[in-house]
Amino acid sequence: MGRTVRIATFNILHGRSLDDDRVDVDRLAAAVKALDADVLGLQEVDRDQPRSMNADLTAVAAEAMGAVDSQFVAALSGTPGGTWMAATGEEQPGSASYGIALLSRLPVVSWRVVRLPALPSRVPVWFRGDRLPKVVGDEPRVAVAAVLEGPHGHLTVANTHLSFVPGWNVLQLRRLMRSLAGTREPLVVMGDLNMEPRQAARVSGLRPLASAATFPAEAPTRQLDHLLARGPVTAEGPAEAVRLPLSDHRALAVDCRVRGTGPTGRARM
């Protein structure tokens, strides 16, 4: 049997704390270090944004956890309230952007970026506690996947942040799963999926590795953040919904036993 791999997902709210409404990169670094994940998916990640001190939050997190490989993928370029537009992947270094990141203490064999279908127009959405719907738009959504060299072979992990618009997030998750068809197993899909556990499992066709309420952070009542799997990967114990001193979400983490696959794709111990 191989050693355990700690896998976690965390919507970091661009590093902001609800307690003081500030972004503190040292606080973010300490939180990521305390989480002690081997593989970490982050959502709502800033790079070169004035609101987060023009920091590269992916680099801050990577250094804190001791990642050997990491990748930030922009969903939006520009600044909120200013030149805020869909990212293309061709942005110049140093330009302000916002998106997701995948970080790993395990070496990455290959990367893949998947740009998910964007909501074409503003739509009415009912939010909890509201008597009437609000007409809202949504930001572009992306996913990033990597094949990792695990303790006993390869495994595939993917991280994403799906739309909060009901139904549209289902379409996006289906699109992501189609893009991952035929990828090396075991497969772990993580992220803020903005849907409840039963729907996430049903739409993805994957089984949950972690069950714990993650939102809102102070007194969570819902699980919007997920770790889902297919193939020879199992949770070694109960998941943790970790309250950290930033964000409106809790991080979700679980220790897993992984039987990776070799170059032939067959599972090996």
Protein backbone atom coordinates (compact mmCIF):
# COMPACT_ATOMS: atom_id res chain seq x y z
CA MET A 1 0.00 0.00 0.00
CA GLY A 2 1.23 3.51 -0.73
CA ARG A 3 1.43 6.38 1.67
CA THR A 4 -1.54 8.68 2.07
CA VAL A 5 -1.94 11.81 -0.04
CA ARG A 6 -3.72 14.77 1.54
CA ILE A 7 -6.00 16.46 -1.00
CA ALA A 8 -7.74 19.76 -0.31
CA THR A 9 -9.85 22.42 -1.98
CA PHE A 10 -10.27 26.00 -0.76
CA ASN A 11 -12.17 29.00 -2.11
CA ILE A 12 -9.92 31.74 -0.71
CA LEU A 13 -12.07 34.82 -1.54
CA HIS A 14 -8.93 36.40 -3.08
CA GLY A 15 -7.26 36.06 0.33
CA ARG A 16 -9.70 38.38 2.11
CA SER A 17 -10.76 37.91 5.72
CA LEU A 18 -14.34 38.70 6.70
CA ASP A 19 -13.12 39.71 10.16
CA ASP A 20 -11.15 42.79 9.08
CA ASP A 21 -11.97 42.98 5.33
CA ARG A 22 -8.25 42.87 4.52
CA VAL A 23 -5.99 40.74 2.35
CA ASP A 24 -2.84 39.74 4.21
CA VAL A 25 -0.48 37.51 2.21
CA ASP A 26 1.27 36.34 5.38
CA ARG A 27 -2.09 35.23 6.77
CA LEU A 28 -2.82 33.37 3.54
CA ALA A 29 0.58 31.70 3.66
CA ALA A 30 0.05 30.62 7.26
CA ALA A 31 -3.40 29.22 6.44
CA VAL A 32 -2.11 27.19 3.49
CA LYS A 33 0.82 25.89 5.56
CA ALA A 34 -1.58 24.84 8.34
CA LEU A 35 -3.76 22.99 5.82
CA ASP A 36 -0.71 20.86 4.97
CA ALA A 37 -2.08 19.51 1.68
CA ASP A 38 -0.08 17.50 -0.83
CA VAL A 39 -2.47 18.52 -3.60
CA LEU A 40 -4.42 21.78 -3.30
CA GLY A 41 -7.06 23.35 -5.51
CA LEU A 42 -7.71 27.06 -4.95
CA GLN A 43 -10.57 29.18 -6.29
CA GLU A 44 -11.07 32.98 -6.41
CA VAL A 45 -7.34 33.56 -6.78
CA ASP A 46 -5.90 37.00 -7.59
CA ARG A 47 -2.71 37.80 -9.44
CA ASP A 48 -1.38 41.35 -9.65
CA GLN A 49 -4.63 42.85 -8.32
CA PRO A 50 -4.53 46.11 -6.33
CA ARG A 51 -7.10 44.73 -3.86
CA SER A 52 -4.67 41.97 -2.88
CA MET A 53 -1.52 44.11 -2.78
CA ASN A 54 -0.56 43.17 -6.35
CA ALA A 55 0.58 39.78 -5.05
CA ASP A 56 0.73 36.52 -6.95
CA LEU A 57 -1.43 34.53 -4.51
CA THR A 58 -0.64 31.24 -6.25
CA ALA A 59 3.08 31.80 -5.70
CA VAL A 60 2.43 32.72 -2.04
CA ALA A 61 0.47 29.50 -1.51
CA ALA A 62 2.96 27.36 -3.42
CA GLU A 63 5.87 28.53 -1.31
CA ALA A 64 3.87 28.06 1.90
CA MET A 65 2.92 24.44 1.17
CA GLY A 66 6.21 23.45 -0.45
CA ALA A 67 4.67 22.75 -3.85
CA VAL A 68 7.04 21.48 -6.53
CA ASP A 69 4.58 22.34 -9.30
CA SER A 70 1.69 24.78 -9.58
CA GLN A 71 -0.37 26.53 -12.21
CA PHE A 72 -2.64 29.57 -12.07
CA VAL A 73 -5.31 29.83 -14.76
CA ALA A 74 -7.06 33.16 -15.27
CA ALA A 75 -10.81 33.24 -15.79
CA LEU A 76 -10.90 37.05 -15.91
CA SER A 77 -8.32 39.65 -16.81
CA GLY A 78 -8.26 43.24 -15.66
CA THR A 79 -9.53 44.70 -12.40
CA PRO A 80 -13.01 44.49 -10.79
CA GLY A 81 -15.07 47.51 -11.80
CA GLY A 82 -12.54 48.42 -14.48
CA THR A 83 -11.34 46.47 -17.50
CA TRP A 84 -12.90 43.20 -16.30
CA MET A 85 -13.17 40.75 -19.22
CA ALA A 86 -12.89 37.08 -20.03
CA ALA A 87 -9.32 35.83 -20.01
CA THR A 88 -7.98 34.19 -23.14
CA GLY A 89 -4.80 32.61 -21.81
CA GLU A 90 -2.73 35.09 -23.83
CA GLU A 91 -2.49 37.76 -21.12
CA GLN A 92 0.85 39.47 -20.67
CA PRO A 93 2.91 38.72 -17.53
CA GLY A 94 2.21 41.28 -14.84
CA SER A 95 -1.33 42.00 -16.00
CA ALA A 96 -4.07 41.87 -13.36
CA SER A 97 -6.11 38.68 -13.42
CA TYR A 98 -8.33 36.39 -11.36
CA GLY A 99 -9.04 32.67 -11.54
CA ILE A 100 -8.11 29.29 -10.08
CA ALA A 101 -4.93 27.43 -9.23
CA LEU A 102 -3.74 23.87 -8.74
CA LEU A 103 -0.69 23.21 -6.56
CA SER A 104 1.10 19.95 -5.86
CA ARG A 105 3.95 18.53 -3.80
CA LEU A 106 3.92 15.66 -6.29
CA PRO A 107 5.62 16.25 -9.65
CA VAL A 108 3.28 17.13 -12.51
CA VAL A 109 3.65 15.08 -15.69
CA SER A 110 1.25 17.16 -17.81
CA TRP A 111 -1.24 20.03 -17.58
CA ARG A 112 -4.54 20.75 -19.29
CA VAL A 113 -6.75 23.87 -19.20
CA VAL A 114 -10.48 23.61 -19.93
CA ARG A 115 -12.50 26.76 -20.56
CA LEU A 116 -16.12 26.09 -19.64
CA PRO A 117 -19.27 27.42 -21.35
CA ALA A 118 -20.04 31.01 -20.31
CA LEU A 119 -23.53 32.15 -19.39
CA PRO A 120 -24.65 34.02 -22.54
CA SER A 121 -26.87 36.61 -20.85
CA ARG A 122 -28.19 37.87 -17.54
CA VAL A 123 -30.80 35.60 -15.95
CA PRO A 124 -33.15 35.69 -12.94
CA VAL A 125 -31.84 33.71 -9.96
CA TRP A 126 -33.52 33.10 -6.60
CA PHE A 127 -31.11 33.46 -3.68
CA ARG A 128 -31.83 32.00 -0.25
CA GLY A 129 -33.70 34.46 1.93
CA ASP A 130 -34.94 36.61 -0.97
CA ARG A 131 -38.62 36.82 -1.84
CA LEU A 132 -37.99 37.77 -5.45
CA PRO A 133 -35.36 36.70 -7.97
CA LYS A 134 -32.46 38.96 -8.93
CA VAL A 135 -31.33 39.36 -12.51
CA VAL A 136 -27.64 38.53 -12.55
CA GLY A 137 -24.78 37.82 -14.91
CA ASP A 138 -21.91 35.44 -14.28
CA GLU A 139 -18.16 35.46 -14.76
CA PRO A 140 -16.30 33.12 -17.13
CA ARG A 141 -15.40 29.73 -15.63
CA VAL A 142 -12.36 27.53 -16.18
CA ALA A 143 -10.85 24.26 -14.97
CA VAL A 144 -7.26 23.08 -14.71
CA ALA A 145 -6.23 19.43 -14.68
CA ALA A 146 -2.90 17.72 -14.11
CA VAL A 147 -1.49 14.21 -14.26
CA LEU A 148 0.63 13.76 -11.13
CA GLU A 149 3.42 11.32 -10.38
CA GLY A 150 2.03 9.83 -7.18
CA PRO A 151 3.71 7.56 -4.64
CA HIS A 152 2.80 4.51 -6.70
CA GLY A 153 2.07 5.75 -10.20
CA HIS A 154 0.06 8.41 -11.96
CA LEU A 155 -3.17 10.05 -10.88
CA THR A 156 -5.24 12.81 -12.47
CA VAL A 157 -6.59 15.77 -10.53
CA ALA A 158 -8.79 18.61 -11.78
CA ASN A 159 -9.82 21.83 -10.05
CA THR A 160 -12.64 24.19 -10.99
CA HIS A 161 -15.04 26.88 -9.77
CA LEU A 162 -18.46 26.53 -11.36
CA SER A 163 -21.27 29.03 -11.85
CA PHE A 164 -23.65 29.89 -9.01
CA VAL A 165 -26.51 29.85 -11.54
CA PRO A 166 -28.54 26.65 -11.05
CA GLY A 167 -28.59 24.50 -14.17
CA TRP A 168 -25.71 26.33 -15.79
CA ASN A 169 -23.27 24.81 -13.30
CA VAL A 170 -24.68 21.39 -14.27
CA LEU A 171 -23.91 22.09 -17.93
CA GLN A 172 -20.39 23.19 -16.99
CA LEU A 173 -19.73 20.10 -14.88
CA ARG A 174 -20.93 17.85 -17.69
CA ARG A 175 -18.62 19.66 -20.09
CA LEU A 176 -15.69 19.21 -17.71
CA MET A 177 -16.39 15.49 -17.30
CA ARG A 178 -16.54 15.04 -21.08
CA SER A 179 -13.16 16.74 -21.37
CA LEU A 180 -11.74 14.30 -18.79
CA ALA A 181 -13.09 11.18 -20.51
CA GLY A 182 -10.33 8.65 -21.02
CA THR A 183 -7.90 10.37 -18.65
CA ARG A 184 -5.66 8.29 -16.44
CA GLU A 185 -7.26 6.97 -13.25
CA PRO A 186 -7.54 7.43 -10.40
CA LEU A 187 -9.26 10.73 -11.10
CA VAL A 188 -10.07 13.37 -8.48
CA VAL A 189 -12.24 16.38 -9.36
CA MET A 190 -12.25 19.16 -6.77
CA GLY A 191 -13.45 22.67 -6.31
CA ASP A 192 -16.29 25.01 -5.49
CA LEU A 193 -19.01 23.45 -7.62
CA ASN A 194 -21.83 25.65 -6.26
CA MET A 195 -24.12 22.64 -5.91
CA GLU A 196 -25.16 20.20 -3.23
CA PRO A 197 -23.42 16.82 -2.78
CA ARG A 198 -26.09 14.56 -4.29
CA GLN A 199 -26.30 16.66 -7.43
CA ALA A 200 -22.51 16.91 -7.74
CA ALA A 201 -22.16 13.12 -7.55
CA ARG A 202 -25.06 12.46 -9.92
CA VAL A 203 -23.95 14.91 -12.60
CA SER A 204 -20.25 14.00 -12.46
CA GLY A 205 -20.75 10.25 -12.13
CA LEU A 206 -18.06 10.31 -9.43
CA ARG A 207 -18.21 9.25 -5.79
CA PRO A 208 -17.59 11.70 -2.93
CA LEU A 209 -14.35 11.43 -0.99
CA ALA A 210 -15.43 14.06 1.53
CA SER A 211 -18.70 14.97 3.21
CA ALA A 212 -18.70 18.10 5.36
CA ALA A 213 -20.48 21.46 5.31
CA THR A 214 -18.19 24.22 4.03
CA PHE A 215 -20.35 27.35 3.61
CA PRO A 216 -20.72 29.87 5.15
CA ALA A 217 -17.43 29.61 6.97
CA GLU A 218 -18.52 30.77 10.42
CA ALA A 219 -21.39 28.30 10.83
CA PRO A 220 -21.57 26.15 7.69
CA THR A 221 -24.90 24.65 6.67
CA ARG A 222 -24.14 23.64 3.06
CA GLN A 223 -21.46 21.74 1.19
CA LEU A 224 -20.62 23.68 -1.96
CA ASP A 225 -16.99 22.52 -2.10
CA HIS A 226 -16.28 18.97 -3.18
CA LEU A 227 -13.68 16.24 -3.61
CA LEU A 228 -15.02 13.60 -6.02
CA ALA A 229 -13.25 10.53 -7.34
CA ARG A 230 -13.21 7.60 -9.72
CA GLY A 231 -10.83 4.66 -9.68
CA PRO A 232 -8.48 3.31 -7.00
CA VAL A 233 -8.47 6.18 -4.50
CA THR A 234 -10.16 5.99 -1.09
CA ALA A 235 -10.50 8.27 1.91
CA GLU A 236 -8.47 7.09 4.89
CA GLY A 237 -10.76 8.77 7.40
CA PRO A 238 -13.40 11.47 7.75
CA ALA A 239 -12.95 14.70 5.84
CA GLU A 240 -12.17 17.97 7.60
CA ALA A 241 -13.94 21.24 6.91
CA VAL A 242 -11.13 23.49 8.13
CA ARG A 243 -11.97 26.98 9.41
CA LEU A 244 -9.11 29.28 8.44
CA PRO A 245 -8.70 33.01 9.19
CA LEU A 246 -9.80 34.14 5.72
CA SER A 247 -12.58 33.56 3.19
CA ASP A 248 -16.31 32.92 3.44
CA HIS A 249 -15.74 29.20 2.80
CA ARG A 250 -14.04 26.53 4.85
CA ALA A 251 -11.33 24.48 3.21
CA LEU A 252 -12.21 20.83 2.61
CA ALA A 253 -9.44 18.27 3.11
CA VAL A 254 -9.14 14.50 3.27
CA ASP A 255 -6.28 12.01 3.53
CA CYS A 256 -6.45 9.47 0.71
CA ARG A 257 -4.92 6.13 -0.09
CA VAL A 258 -4.05 6.12 -3.78
CA ARG A 259 -3.14 3.24 -6.03
CA GLY A 260 -1.80 5.01 -9.08
CA THR A 261 -1.41 3.69 -12.60
CA GLY A 262 1.72 3.03 -14.53
CA PRO A 263 2.40 3.95 -18.17
CA THR A 264 0.07 1.18 -19.36
CA GLY A 265 -2.83 2.64 -17.39
CA ARG A 266 -3.17 -0.45 -15.20
CA ALA A 267 -3.47 0.06 -11.45
CA ARG A 268 -0.45 -1.00 -9.45
CA MET A 269 0.26 -1.21 -5.75
